[in-house]
PDB file of N, CA and C in Angstrom:
ATOM      1  N   UNK A   1      -1.920  18.267  -4.446  1.00  0.00           N
ATOM      2  CA  UNK A   1      -3.120  17.615  -3.962  1.00  0.00           C
ATOM      3  C   UNK A   1      -3.216  17.820  -2.447  1.00  0.00           C
ATOM      4  N   UNK A   2      -4.397  18.022  -1.979  1.00  0.00           N
ATOM      5  CA  UNK A   2      -4.650  18.249  -0.565  1.00  0.00           C
ATOM      6  C   UNK A   2      -4.523  16.927   0.198  1.00  0.00           C
ATOM      7  N   UNK A   3      -3.556  16.814   1.146  1.00  0.00           N
ATOM      8  CA  UNK A   3      -3.387  15.553   1.866  1.00  0.00           C
ATOM      9  C   UNK A   3      -4.532  15.245   2.823  1.00  0.00           C
ATOM     10  N   UNK A   4      -5.422  16.203   3.033  1.00  0.00           N
ATOM     11  CA  UNK A   4      -6.547  16.008   3.937  1.00  0.00           C
ATOM     12  C   UNK A   4      -7.825  15.631   3.196  1.00  0.00           C
ATOM     13  N   UNK A   5      -7.727  15.542   1.889  1.00  0.00           N
ATOM     14  CA  UNK A   5      -8.890  15.211   1.072  1.00  0.00           C
ATOM     15  C   UNK A   5      -8.809  13.762   0.616  1.00  0.00           C
ATOM     16  N   UNK A   6      -9.944  13.175   0.389  1.00  0.00           N
ATOM     17  CA  UNK A   6      -9.991  11.820  -0.155  1.00  0.00           C
ATOM     18  C   UNK A   6      -9.825  11.894  -1.666  1.00  0.00           C
ATOM     19  N   UNK A   7      -9.206  10.876  -2.219  1.00  0.00           N
ATOM     20  CA  UNK A   7      -9.057  10.771  -3.664  1.00  0.00           C
ATOM     21  C   UNK A   7     -10.373  10.281  -4.248  1.00  0.00           C
ATOM     22  N   UNK A   8     -10.809  10.830  -5.375  1.00  0.00           N
ATOM     23  CA  UNK A   8     -12.054  10.335  -5.981  1.00  0.00           C
ATOM     24  C   UNK A   8     -11.969   8.849  -6.308  1.00  0.00           C
ATOM     25  N   UNK A   9     -13.088   8.153  -6.205  1.00  0.00           N
ATOM     26  CA  UNK A   9     -13.136   6.734  -6.493  1.00  0.00           C
ATOM     27  C   UNK A   9     -12.942   6.501  -7.990  1.00  0.00           C
ATOM     28  N   UNK A  10     -12.124   5.508  -8.356  1.00  0.00           N
ATOM     29  CA  UNK A  10     -11.951   5.192  -9.775  1.00  0.00           C
ATOM     30  C   UNK A  10     -13.219   4.564 -10.343  1.00  0.00           C
ATOM     31  N   UNK A  11     -13.490   4.840 -11.604  1.00  0.00           N
ATOM     32  CA  UNK A  11     -14.727   4.339 -12.216  1.00  0.00           C
ATOM     33  C   UNK A  11     -14.745   2.826 -12.375  1.00  0.00           C
ATOM     34  N   UNK A  12     -13.595   2.194 -12.583  1.00  0.00           N
ATOM     35  CA  UNK A  12     -13.556   0.760 -12.812  1.00  0.00           C
ATOM     36  C   UNK A  12     -13.646  -0.071 -11.551  1.00  0.00           C
ATOM     37  N   UNK A  13     -13.646   0.556 -10.410  1.00  0.00           N
ATOM     38  CA  UNK A  13     -13.693  -0.166  -9.150  1.00  0.00           C
ATOM     39  C   UNK A  13     -12.395  -0.005  -8.382  1.00  0.00           C
ATOM     40  N   UNK A  14     -12.356  -0.625  -7.244  1.00  0.00           N
ATOM     41  CA  UNK A  14     -11.225  -0.502  -6.336  1.00  0.00           C
ATOM     42  C   UNK A  14     -10.589  -1.863  -6.169  1.00  0.00           C
ATOM     43  N   UNK A  15      -9.272  -1.921  -6.323  1.00  0.00           N
ATOM     44  CA  UNK A  15      -8.519  -3.144  -6.065  1.00  0.00           C
ATOM     45  C   UNK A  15      -7.737  -2.941  -4.784  1.00  0.00           C
ATOM     46  N   UNK A  16      -8.070  -3.732  -3.779  1.00  0.00           N
ATOM     47  CA  UNK A  16      -7.320  -3.740  -2.530  1.00  0.00           C
ATOM     48  C   UNK A  16      -6.433  -4.968  -2.572  1.00  0.00           C
ATOM     49  N   UNK A  17      -5.161  -4.749  -2.882  1.00  0.00           N
ATOM     50  CA  UNK A  17      -4.207  -5.846  -3.060  1.00  0.00           C
ATOM     51  C   UNK A  17      -3.380  -6.019  -1.790  1.00  0.00           C
ATOM     52  N   UNK A  18      -3.604  -7.124  -1.101  1.00  0.00           N
ATOM     53  CA  UNK A  18      -2.914  -7.408   0.157  1.00  0.00           C
ATOM     54  C   UNK A  18      -1.807  -8.448  -0.016  1.00  0.00           C
ATOM     55  N   UNK A  19      -1.506  -8.824  -1.247  1.00  0.00           N
ATOM     56  CA  UNK A  19      -0.594  -9.941  -1.489  1.00  0.00           C
ATOM     57  C   UNK A  19       0.818  -9.695  -0.976  1.00  0.00           C
ATOM     58  N   UNK A  20       1.266  -8.473  -0.913  1.00  0.00           N
ATOM     59  CA  UNK A  20       2.635  -8.213  -0.454  1.00  0.00           C
ATOM     60  C   UNK A  20       2.695  -7.765   1.012  1.00  0.00           C
ATOM     61  N   UNK A  21       1.572  -7.765   1.704  1.00  0.00           N
ATOM     62  CA  UNK A  21       1.534  -7.292   3.093  1.00  0.00           C
ATOM     63  C   UNK A  21       2.137  -8.328   4.039  1.00  0.00           C
ATOM     64  N   UNK A  22       3.002  -7.860   4.922  1.00  0.00           N
ATOM     65  CA  UNK A  22       3.658  -8.744   5.880  1.00  0.00           C
ATOM     66  C   UNK A  22       3.454  -8.312   7.330  1.00  0.00           C
ATOM     67  N   UNK A  23       2.804  -7.154   7.558  1.00  0.00           N
ATOM     68  CA  UNK A  23       2.495  -6.714   8.919  1.00  0.00           C
ATOM     69  C   UNK A  23       1.264  -5.819   8.863  1.00  0.00           C
ATOM     70  N   UNK A  24       0.741  -5.480  10.051  1.00  0.00           N
ATOM     71  CA  UNK A  24      -0.514  -4.722  10.091  1.00  0.00           C
ATOM     72  C   UNK A  24      -0.363  -3.341   9.468  1.00  0.00           C
ATOM     73  N   UNK A  25       0.812  -2.730   9.584  1.00  0.00           N
ATOM     74  CA  UNK A  25       1.032  -1.420   8.984  1.00  0.00           C
ATOM     75  C   UNK A  25       0.920  -1.473   7.470  1.00  0.00           C
ATOM     76  N   UNK A  26       1.420  -2.554   6.875  1.00  0.00           N
ATOM     77  CA  UNK A  26       1.315  -2.714   5.423  1.00  0.00           C
ATOM     78  C   UNK A  26      -0.131  -2.932   4.994  1.00  0.00           C
ATOM     79  N   UNK A  27      -0.903  -3.651   5.811  1.00  0.00           N
ATOM     80  CA  UNK A  27      -2.326  -3.845   5.508  1.00  0.00           C
ATOM     81  C   UNK A  27      -3.046  -2.501   5.523  1.00  0.00           C
ATOM     82  N   UNK A  28      -2.835  -1.729   6.575  1.00  0.00           N
ATOM     83  CA  UNK A  28      -3.510  -0.440   6.681  1.00  0.00           C
ATOM     84  C   UNK A  28      -3.042   0.534   5.587  1.00  0.00           C
ATOM     85  N   UNK A  29      -1.769   0.483   5.224  1.00  0.00           N
ATOM     86  CA  UNK A  29      -1.274   1.342   4.144  1.00  0.00           C
ATOM     87  C   UNK A  29      -1.907   0.949   2.807  1.00  0.00           C
ATOM     88  N   UNK A  30      -2.060  -0.352   2.569  1.00  0.00           N
ATOM     89  CA  UNK A  30      -2.719  -0.817   1.347  1.00  0.00           C
ATOM     90  C   UNK A  30      -4.170  -0.333   1.308  1.00  0.00           C
ATOM     91  N   UNK A  31      -4.849  -0.372   2.452  1.00  0.00           N
ATOM     92  CA  UNK A  31      -6.227   0.121   2.531  1.00  0.00           C
ATOM     93  C   UNK A  31      -6.270   1.618   2.229  1.00  0.00           C
ATOM     94  N   UNK A  32      -5.381   2.382   2.859  1.00  0.00           N
ATOM     95  CA  UNK A  32      -5.351   3.838   2.649  1.00  0.00           C
ATOM     96  C   UNK A  32      -5.130   4.171   1.176  1.00  0.00           C
ATOM     97  N   UNK A  33      -4.169   3.501   0.558  1.00  0.00           N
ATOM     98  CA  UNK A  33      -3.866   3.787  -0.853  1.00  0.00           C
ATOM     99  C   UNK A  33      -4.997   3.343  -1.772  1.00  0.00           C
ATOM    100  N   UNK A  34      -5.537   2.142  -1.558  1.00  0.00           N
ATOM    101  CA  UNK A  34      -6.577   1.614  -2.445  1.00  0.00           C
ATOM    102  C   UNK A  34      -7.827   2.478  -2.447  1.00  0.00           C
ATOM    103  N   UNK A  35      -8.220   2.940  -1.270  1.00  0.00           N
ATOM    104  CA  UNK A  35      -9.448   3.716  -1.163  1.00  0.00           C
ATOM    105  C   UNK A  35      -9.215   5.221  -1.263  1.00  0.00           C
ATOM    106  N   UNK A  36      -7.955   5.635  -1.324  1.00  0.00           N
ATOM    107  CA  UNK A  36      -7.657   7.066  -1.445  1.00  0.00           C
ATOM    108  C   UNK A  36      -7.985   7.842  -0.187  1.00  0.00           C
ATOM    109  N   UNK A  37      -7.810   7.196   0.968  1.00  0.00           N
ATOM    110  CA  UNK A  37      -8.098   7.875   2.226  1.00  0.00           C
ATOM    111  C   UNK A  37      -7.116   9.023   2.452  1.00  0.00           C
ATOM    112  N   UNK A  38      -7.545  10.030   3.199  1.00  0.00           N
ATOM    113  CA  UNK A  38      -6.687  11.191   3.456  1.00  0.00           C
ATOM    114  C   UNK A  38      -5.513  10.841   4.375  1.00  0.00           C
ATOM    115  N   UNK A  39      -4.559  11.755   4.437  1.00  0.00           N
ATOM    116  CA  UNK A  39      -3.340  11.540   5.231  1.00  0.00           C
ATOM    117  C   UNK A  39      -3.651  11.292   6.707  1.00  0.00           C
ATOM    118  N   UNK A  40      -4.740  11.820   7.210  1.00  0.00           N
ATOM    119  CA  UNK A  40      -5.060  11.664   8.631  1.00  0.00           C
ATOM    120  C   UNK A  40      -5.826  10.374   8.949  1.00  0.00           C
ATOM    121  N   UNK A  41      -5.928   9.456   7.973  1.00  0.00           N
ATOM    122  CA  UNK A  41      -6.589   8.166   8.201  1.00  0.00           C
ATOM    123  C   UNK A  41      -5.971   7.497   9.421  1.00  0.00           C
ATOM    124  N   UNK A  42      -6.790   7.044  10.354  1.00  0.00           N
ATOM    125  CA  UNK A  42      -6.346   6.556  11.650  1.00  0.00           C
ATOM    126  C   UNK A  42      -5.802   5.141  11.694  1.00  0.00           C
ATOM    127  N   UNK A  43      -5.786   4.437  10.569  1.00  0.00           N
ATOM    128  CA  UNK A  43      -5.213   3.097  10.475  1.00  0.00           C
ATOM    129  C   UNK A  43      -5.774   2.112  11.501  1.00  0.00           C
ATOM    130  N   UNK A  44      -7.100   2.072  11.593  1.00  0.00           N
ATOM    131  CA  UNK A  44      -7.775   1.061  12.396  1.00  0.00           C
ATOM    132  C   UNK A  44      -9.147   0.828  11.774  1.00  0.00           C
ATOM    133  N   UNK A  45      -9.846  -0.187  12.235  1.00  0.00           N
ATOM    134  CA  UNK A  45     -11.106  -0.568  11.581  1.00  0.00           C
ATOM    135  C   UNK A  45     -12.193   0.490  11.751  1.00  0.00           C
ATOM    136  N   UNK A  46     -12.243   1.156  12.887  1.00  0.00           N
ATOM    137  CA  UNK A  46     -13.226   2.234  13.070  1.00  0.00           C
ATOM    138  C   UNK A  46     -12.944   3.390  12.118  1.00  0.00           C
ATOM    139  N   UNK A  47     -11.667   3.726  11.962  1.00  0.00           N
ATOM    140  CA  UNK A  47     -11.307   4.811  11.038  1.00  0.00           C
ATOM    141  C   UNK A  47     -11.641   4.422   9.600  1.00  0.00           C
ATOM    142  N   UNK A  48     -11.436   3.149   9.269  1.00  0.00           N
ATOM    143  CA  UNK A  48     -11.785   2.691   7.924  1.00  0.00           C
ATOM    144  C   UNK A  48     -13.285   2.860   7.686  1.00  0.00           C
ATOM    145  N   UNK A  49     -14.074   2.431   8.658  1.00  0.00           N
ATOM    146  CA  UNK A  49     -15.530   2.571   8.527  1.00  0.00           C
ATOM    147  C   UNK A  49     -15.917   4.040   8.351  1.00  0.00           C
ATOM    148  N   UNK A  50     -15.352   4.907   9.167  1.00  0.00           N
ATOM    149  CA  UNK A  50     -15.675   6.329   9.067  1.00  0.00           C
ATOM    150  C   UNK A  50     -15.337   6.877   7.689  1.00  0.00           C
ATOM    151  N   UNK A  51     -14.163   6.544   7.182  1.00  0.00           N
ATOM    152  CA  UNK A  51     -13.770   7.031   5.852  1.00  0.00           C
ATOM    153  C   UNK A  51     -14.660   6.438   4.761  1.00  0.00           C
ATOM    154  N   UNK A  52     -14.945   5.150   4.854  1.00  0.00           N
ATOM    155  CA  UNK A  52     -15.784   4.517   3.836  1.00  0.00           C
ATOM    156  C   UNK A  52     -17.182   5.108   3.810  1.00  0.00           C
ATOM    157  N   UNK A  53     -17.759   5.350   4.970  1.00  0.00           N
ATOM    158  CA  UNK A  53     -19.121   5.890   4.979  1.00  0.00           C
ATOM    159  C   UNK A  53     -19.147   7.347   4.538  1.00  0.00           C
ATOM    160  N   UNK A  54     -18.010   8.033   4.611  1.00  0.00           N
ATOM    161  CA  UNK A  54     -17.929   9.374   4.041  1.00  0.00           C
ATOM    162  C   UNK A  54     -17.817   9.312   2.520  1.00  0.00           C
ATOM    163  N   UNK A  55     -17.209   8.246   2.004  1.00  0.00           N
ATOM    164  CA  UNK A  55     -16.934   8.134   0.567  1.00  0.00           C
ATOM    165  C   UNK A  55     -18.018   7.419  -0.210  1.00  0.00           C
ATOM    166  N   UNK A  56     -18.688   6.462   0.433  1.00  0.00           N
ATOM    167  CA  UNK A  56     -19.559   5.600  -0.347  1.00  0.00           C
ATOM    168  C   UNK A  56     -20.974   6.136  -0.403  1.00  0.00           C
ATOM    169  N   UNK A  57     -21.607   5.862  -1.395  1.00  0.00           N
ATOM    170  CA  UNK A  57     -22.820   6.344  -1.978  1.00  0.00           C
ATOM    171  C   UNK A  57     -23.848   5.265  -1.910  1.00  0.00           C
ATOM    172  N   UNK A  58     -25.030   5.638  -1.780  1.00  0.00           N
ATOM    173  CA  UNK A  58     -26.099   4.650  -1.681  1.00  0.00           C
ATOM    174  C   UNK A  58     -26.607   4.255  -3.067  1.00  0.00           C
ATOM    175  N   UNK A  59     -26.559   5.143  -4.029  1.00  0.00           N
ATOM    176  CA  UNK A  59     -27.228   4.896  -5.306  1.00  0.00           C
ATOM    177  C   UNK A  59     -26.302   4.474  -6.438  1.00  0.00           C
ATOM    178  N   UNK A  60     -24.998   4.629  -6.298  1.00  0.00           N
ATOM    179  CA  UNK A  60     -24.081   4.316  -7.391  1.00  0.00           C
ATOM    180  C   UNK A  60     -23.649   2.856  -7.360  1.00  0.00           C
ATOM    181  N   UNK A  61     -23.370   2.303  -8.553  1.00  0.00           N
ATOM    182  CA  UNK A  61     -22.786   0.971  -8.658  1.00  0.00           C
ATOM    183  C   UNK A  61     -21.284   1.094  -8.446  1.00  0.00           C
ATOM    184  N   UNK A  62     -20.743   0.292  -7.557  1.00  0.00           N
ATOM    185  CA  UNK A  62     -19.309   0.274  -7.326  1.00  0.00           C
ATOM    186  C   UNK A  62     -18.873  -1.147  -7.038  1.00  0.00           C
ATOM    187  N   UNK A  63     -17.578  -1.384  -7.263  1.00  0.00           N
ATOM    188  CA  UNK A  63     -17.023  -2.712  -7.059  1.00  0.00           C
ATOM    189  C   UNK A  63     -15.716  -2.618  -6.287  1.00  0.00           C
ATOM    190  N   UNK A  64     -15.561  -3.503  -5.330  1.00  0.00           N
ATOM    191  CA  UNK A  64     -14.309  -3.625  -4.586  1.00  0.00           C
ATOM    192  C   UNK A  64     -13.818  -5.050  -4.768  1.00  0.00           C
ATOM    193  N   UNK A  65     -12.573  -5.198  -5.192  1.00  0.00           N
ATOM    194  CA  UNK A  65     -11.932  -6.503  -5.293  1.00  0.00           C
ATOM    195  C   UNK A  65     -10.837  -6.544  -4.240  1.00  0.00           C
ATOM    196  N   UNK A  66     -10.902  -7.543  -3.366  1.00  0.00           N
ATOM    197  CA  UNK A  66      -9.895  -7.729  -2.325  1.00  0.00           C
ATOM    198  C   UNK A  66      -9.054  -8.933  -2.736  1.00  0.00           C
ATOM    199  N   UNK A  67      -7.786  -8.678  -2.984  1.00  0.00           N
ATOM    200  CA  UNK A  67      -6.885  -9.741  -3.428  1.00  0.00           C
ATOM    201  C   UNK A  67      -5.910 -10.106  -2.305  1.00  0.00           C
ATOM    202  N   UNK A  68      -5.790 -11.402  -2.023  1.00  0.00           N
ATOM    203  CA  UNK A  68      -4.762 -11.884  -1.120  1.00  0.00           C
ATOM    204  C   UNK A  68      -5.123 -11.975   0.347  1.00  0.00           C
ATOM    205  N   UNK A  69      -6.354 -11.678   0.721  1.00  0.00           N
ATOM    206  CA  UNK A  69      -6.731 -11.727   2.136  1.00  0.00           C
ATOM    207  C   UNK A  69      -6.531 -13.131   2.717  1.00  0.00           C
ATOM    208  N   UNK A  70      -6.956 -14.144   1.998  1.00  0.00           N
ATOM    209  CA  UNK A  70      -6.855 -15.514   2.507  1.00  0.00           C
ATOM    210  C   UNK A  70      -5.433 -16.062   2.438  1.00  0.00           C
ATOM    211  N   UNK A  71      -4.543 -15.372   1.749  1.00  0.00           N
ATOM    212  CA  UNK A  71      -3.161 -15.829   1.619  1.00  0.00           C
ATOM    213  C   UNK A  71      -2.208 -15.145   2.592  1.00  0.00           C
ATOM    214  N   UNK A  72      -2.731 -14.268   3.435  1.00  0.00           N
ATOM    215  CA  UNK A  72      -1.878 -13.614   4.429  1.00  0.00           C
ATOM    216  C   UNK A  72      -1.359 -14.639   5.436  1.00  0.00           C
ATOM    217  N   UNK A  73      -0.214 -14.378   6.068  1.00  0.00           N
ATOM    218  CA  UNK A  73       0.237 -15.257   7.145  1.00  0.00           C
ATOM    219  C   UNK A  73      -0.848 -15.355   8.214  1.00  0.00           C
ATOM    220  N   UNK A  74      -0.934 -16.494   8.915  1.00  0.00           N
ATOM    221  CA  UNK A  74      -2.050 -16.724   9.858  1.00  0.00           C
ATOM    222  C   UNK A  74      -2.285 -15.612  10.869  1.00  0.00           C
ATOM    223  N   UNK A  75      -1.241 -15.078  11.497  1.00  0.00           N
ATOM    224  CA  UNK A  75      -1.455 -14.028  12.498  1.00  0.00           C
ATOM    225  C   UNK A  75      -1.964 -12.743  11.864  1.00  0.00           C
ATOM    226  N   UNK A  76      -1.486 -12.438  10.663  1.00  0.00           N
ATOM    227  CA  UNK A  76      -1.941 -11.236   9.968  1.00  0.00           C
ATOM    228  C   UNK A  76      -3.353 -11.428   9.417  1.00  0.00           C
ATOM    229  N   UNK A  77      -3.669 -12.633   8.994  1.00  0.00           N
ATOM    230  CA  UNK A  77      -5.027 -12.932   8.523  1.00  0.00           C
ATOM    231  C   UNK A  77      -6.025 -12.724   9.660  1.00  0.00           C
ATOM    232  N   UNK A  78      -5.652 -13.152  10.867  1.00  0.00           N
ATOM    233  CA  UNK A  78      -6.528 -12.950  12.027  1.00  0.00           C
ATOM    234  C   UNK A  78      -6.715 -11.459  12.300  1.00  0.00           C
ATOM    235  N   UNK A  79      -5.634 -10.686  12.180  1.00  0.00           N
ATOM    236  CA  UNK A  79      -5.737  -9.230  12.368  1.00  0.00           C
ATOM    237  C   UNK A  79      -6.659  -8.615  11.318  1.00  0.00           C
ATOM    238  N   UNK A  80      -6.547  -9.082  10.076  1.00  0.00           N
ATOM    239  CA  UNK A  80      -7.278  -8.477   8.961  1.00  0.00           C
ATOM    240  C   UNK A  80      -8.702  -8.999   8.809  1.00  0.00           C
ATOM    241  N   UNK A  81      -9.083 -10.003   9.564  1.00  0.00           N
ATOM    242  CA  UNK A  81     -10.420 -10.588   9.423  1.00  0.00           C
ATOM    243  C   UNK A  81     -11.550  -9.565   9.582  1.00  0.00           C
ATOM    244  N   UNK A  82     -11.451  -8.558  10.471  1.00  0.00           N
ATOM    245  CA  UNK A  82     -12.531  -7.571  10.554  1.00  0.00           C
ATOM    246  C   UNK A  82     -12.796  -6.815   9.244  1.00  0.00           C
ATOM    247  N   UNK A  83     -11.827  -6.853   8.333  1.00  0.00           N
ATOM    248  CA  UNK A  83     -12.035  -6.222   7.030  1.00  0.00           C
ATOM    249  C   UNK A  83     -13.273  -6.780   6.347  1.00  0.00           C
ATOM    250  N   UNK A  84     -13.468  -8.089   6.424  1.00  0.00           N
ATOM    251  CA  UNK A  84     -14.660  -8.709   5.812  1.00  0.00           C
ATOM    252  C   UNK A  84     -15.944  -8.123   6.405  1.00  0.00           C
ATOM    253  N   UNK A  85     -15.974  -7.968   7.718  1.00  0.00           N
ATOM    254  CA  UNK A  85     -17.177  -7.448   8.361  1.00  0.00           C
ATOM    255  C   UNK A  85     -17.409  -5.987   7.991  1.00  0.00           C
ATOM    256  N   UNK A  86     -16.349  -5.192   7.942  1.00  0.00           N
ATOM    257  CA  UNK A  86     -16.484  -3.792   7.551  1.00  0.00           C
ATOM    258  C   UNK A  86     -17.078  -3.708   6.144  1.00  0.00           C
ATOM    259  N   UNK A  87     -16.553  -4.505   5.221  1.00  0.00           N
ATOM    260  CA  UNK A  87     -17.056  -4.460   3.848  1.00  0.00           C
ATOM    261  C   UNK A  87     -18.454  -5.036   3.738  1.00  0.00           C
ATOM    262  N   UNK A  88     -18.776  -6.044   4.538  1.00  0.00           N
ATOM    263  CA  UNK A  88     -20.139  -6.583   4.537  1.00  0.00           C
ATOM    264  C   UNK A  88     -21.126  -5.551   5.085  1.00  0.00           C
ATOM    265  N   UNK A  89     -20.749  -4.860   6.141  1.00  0.00           N
ATOM    266  CA  UNK A  89     -21.602  -3.795   6.676  1.00  0.00           C
ATOM    267  C   UNK A  89     -21.804  -2.697   5.637  1.00  0.00           C
ATOM    268  N   UNK A  90     -20.745  -2.387   4.899  1.00  0.00           N
ATOM    269  CA  UNK A  90     -20.853  -1.377   3.848  1.00  0.00           C
ATOM    270  C   UNK A  90     -21.774  -1.859   2.737  1.00  0.00           C
ATOM    271  N   UNK A  91     -21.681  -3.136   2.385  1.00  0.00           N
ATOM    272  CA  UNK A  91     -22.564  -3.703   1.361  1.00  0.00           C
ATOM    273  C   UNK A  91     -24.022  -3.632   1.798  1.00  0.00           C
ATOM    274  N   UNK A  92     -24.276  -3.868   3.067  1.00  0.00           N
ATOM    275  CA  UNK A  92     -25.641  -3.767   3.592  1.00  0.00           C
ATOM    276  C   UNK A  92     -26.150  -2.337   3.460  1.00  0.00           C
ATOM    277  N   UNK A  93     -25.273  -1.398   3.720  1.00  0.00           N
ATOM    278  CA  UNK A  93     -25.644   0.015   3.638  1.00  0.00           C
ATOM    279  C   UNK A  93     -25.775   0.494   2.191  1.00  0.00           C
ATOM    280  N   UNK A  94     -24.992  -0.093   1.302  1.00  0.00           N
ATOM    281  CA  UNK A  94     -24.961   0.298  -0.117  1.00  0.00           C
ATOM    282  C   UNK A  94     -25.243  -0.941  -0.962  1.00  0.00           C
ATOM    283  N   UNK A  95     -26.504  -1.286  -1.184  1.00  0.00           N
ATOM    284  CA  UNK A  95     -26.854  -2.543  -1.845  1.00  0.00           C
ATOM    285  C   UNK A  95     -26.294  -2.705  -3.251  1.00  0.00           C
ATOM    286  N   UNK A  96     -25.918  -1.625  -3.909  1.00  0.00           N
ATOM    287  CA  UNK A  96     -25.396  -1.728  -5.277  1.00  0.00           C
ATOM    288  C   UNK A  96     -23.881  -1.912  -5.296  1.00  0.00           C
ATOM    289  N   UNK A  97     -23.291  -2.075  -4.137  1.00  0.00           N
ATOM    290  CA  UNK A  97     -21.866  -2.329  -4.029  1.00  0.00           C
ATOM    291  C   UNK A  97     -21.604  -3.824  -4.156  1.00  0.00           C
ATOM    292  N   UNK A  98     -20.620  -4.187  -4.957  1.00  0.00           N
ATOM    293  CA  UNK A  98     -20.204  -5.586  -5.092  1.00  0.00           C
ATOM    294  C   UNK A  98     -18.807  -5.730  -4.493  1.00  0.00           C
ATOM    295  N   UNK A  99     -18.622  -6.740  -3.678  1.00  0.00           N
ATOM    296  CA  UNK A  99     -17.327  -7.033  -3.081  1.00  0.00           C
ATOM    297  C   UNK A  99     -16.947  -8.449  -3.483  1.00  0.00           C
ATOM    298  N   UNK A 100     -15.731  -8.588  -4.019  1.00  0.00           N
ATOM    299  CA  UNK A 100     -15.220  -9.879  -4.473  1.00  0.00           C
ATOM    300  C   UNK A 100     -13.896 -10.145  -3.794  1.00  0.00           C
ATOM    301  N   UNK A 101     -13.681 -11.379  -3.366  1.00  0.00           N
ATOM    302  CA  UNK A 101     -12.415 -11.794  -2.759  1.00  0.00           C
ATOM    303  C   UNK A 101     -11.745 -12.781  -3.699  1.00  0.00           C
ATOM    304  N   UNK A 102     -10.471 -12.576  -3.956  1.00  0.00           N
ATOM    305  CA  UNK A 102      -9.750 -13.520  -4.820  1.00  0.00           C
ATOM    306  C   UNK A 102      -8.319 -13.675  -4.327  1.00  0.00           C
TER     307      UNK A 102
END
């Protein structure tokens, strides 16, 4: 597999599981794996936005489930809070996208 290519989106939706994350590197690694970002993913919120807008579609139905965001340790939760805004901005851009937090 080409490490510079994005992995195709799964048909059933994307599960971003943050329940085992204990530092910012683990959060960014979970994001990279969940969304199938390429090896050169920059591990920051701007890079996430760039990758998402390259991957996401305006007309397709898609679902993202974010698990464990509210259960992160307080300092890590503060670091990860921009994730909500990135996904909300993506939802605005792609109205058929559903984002669920659990």
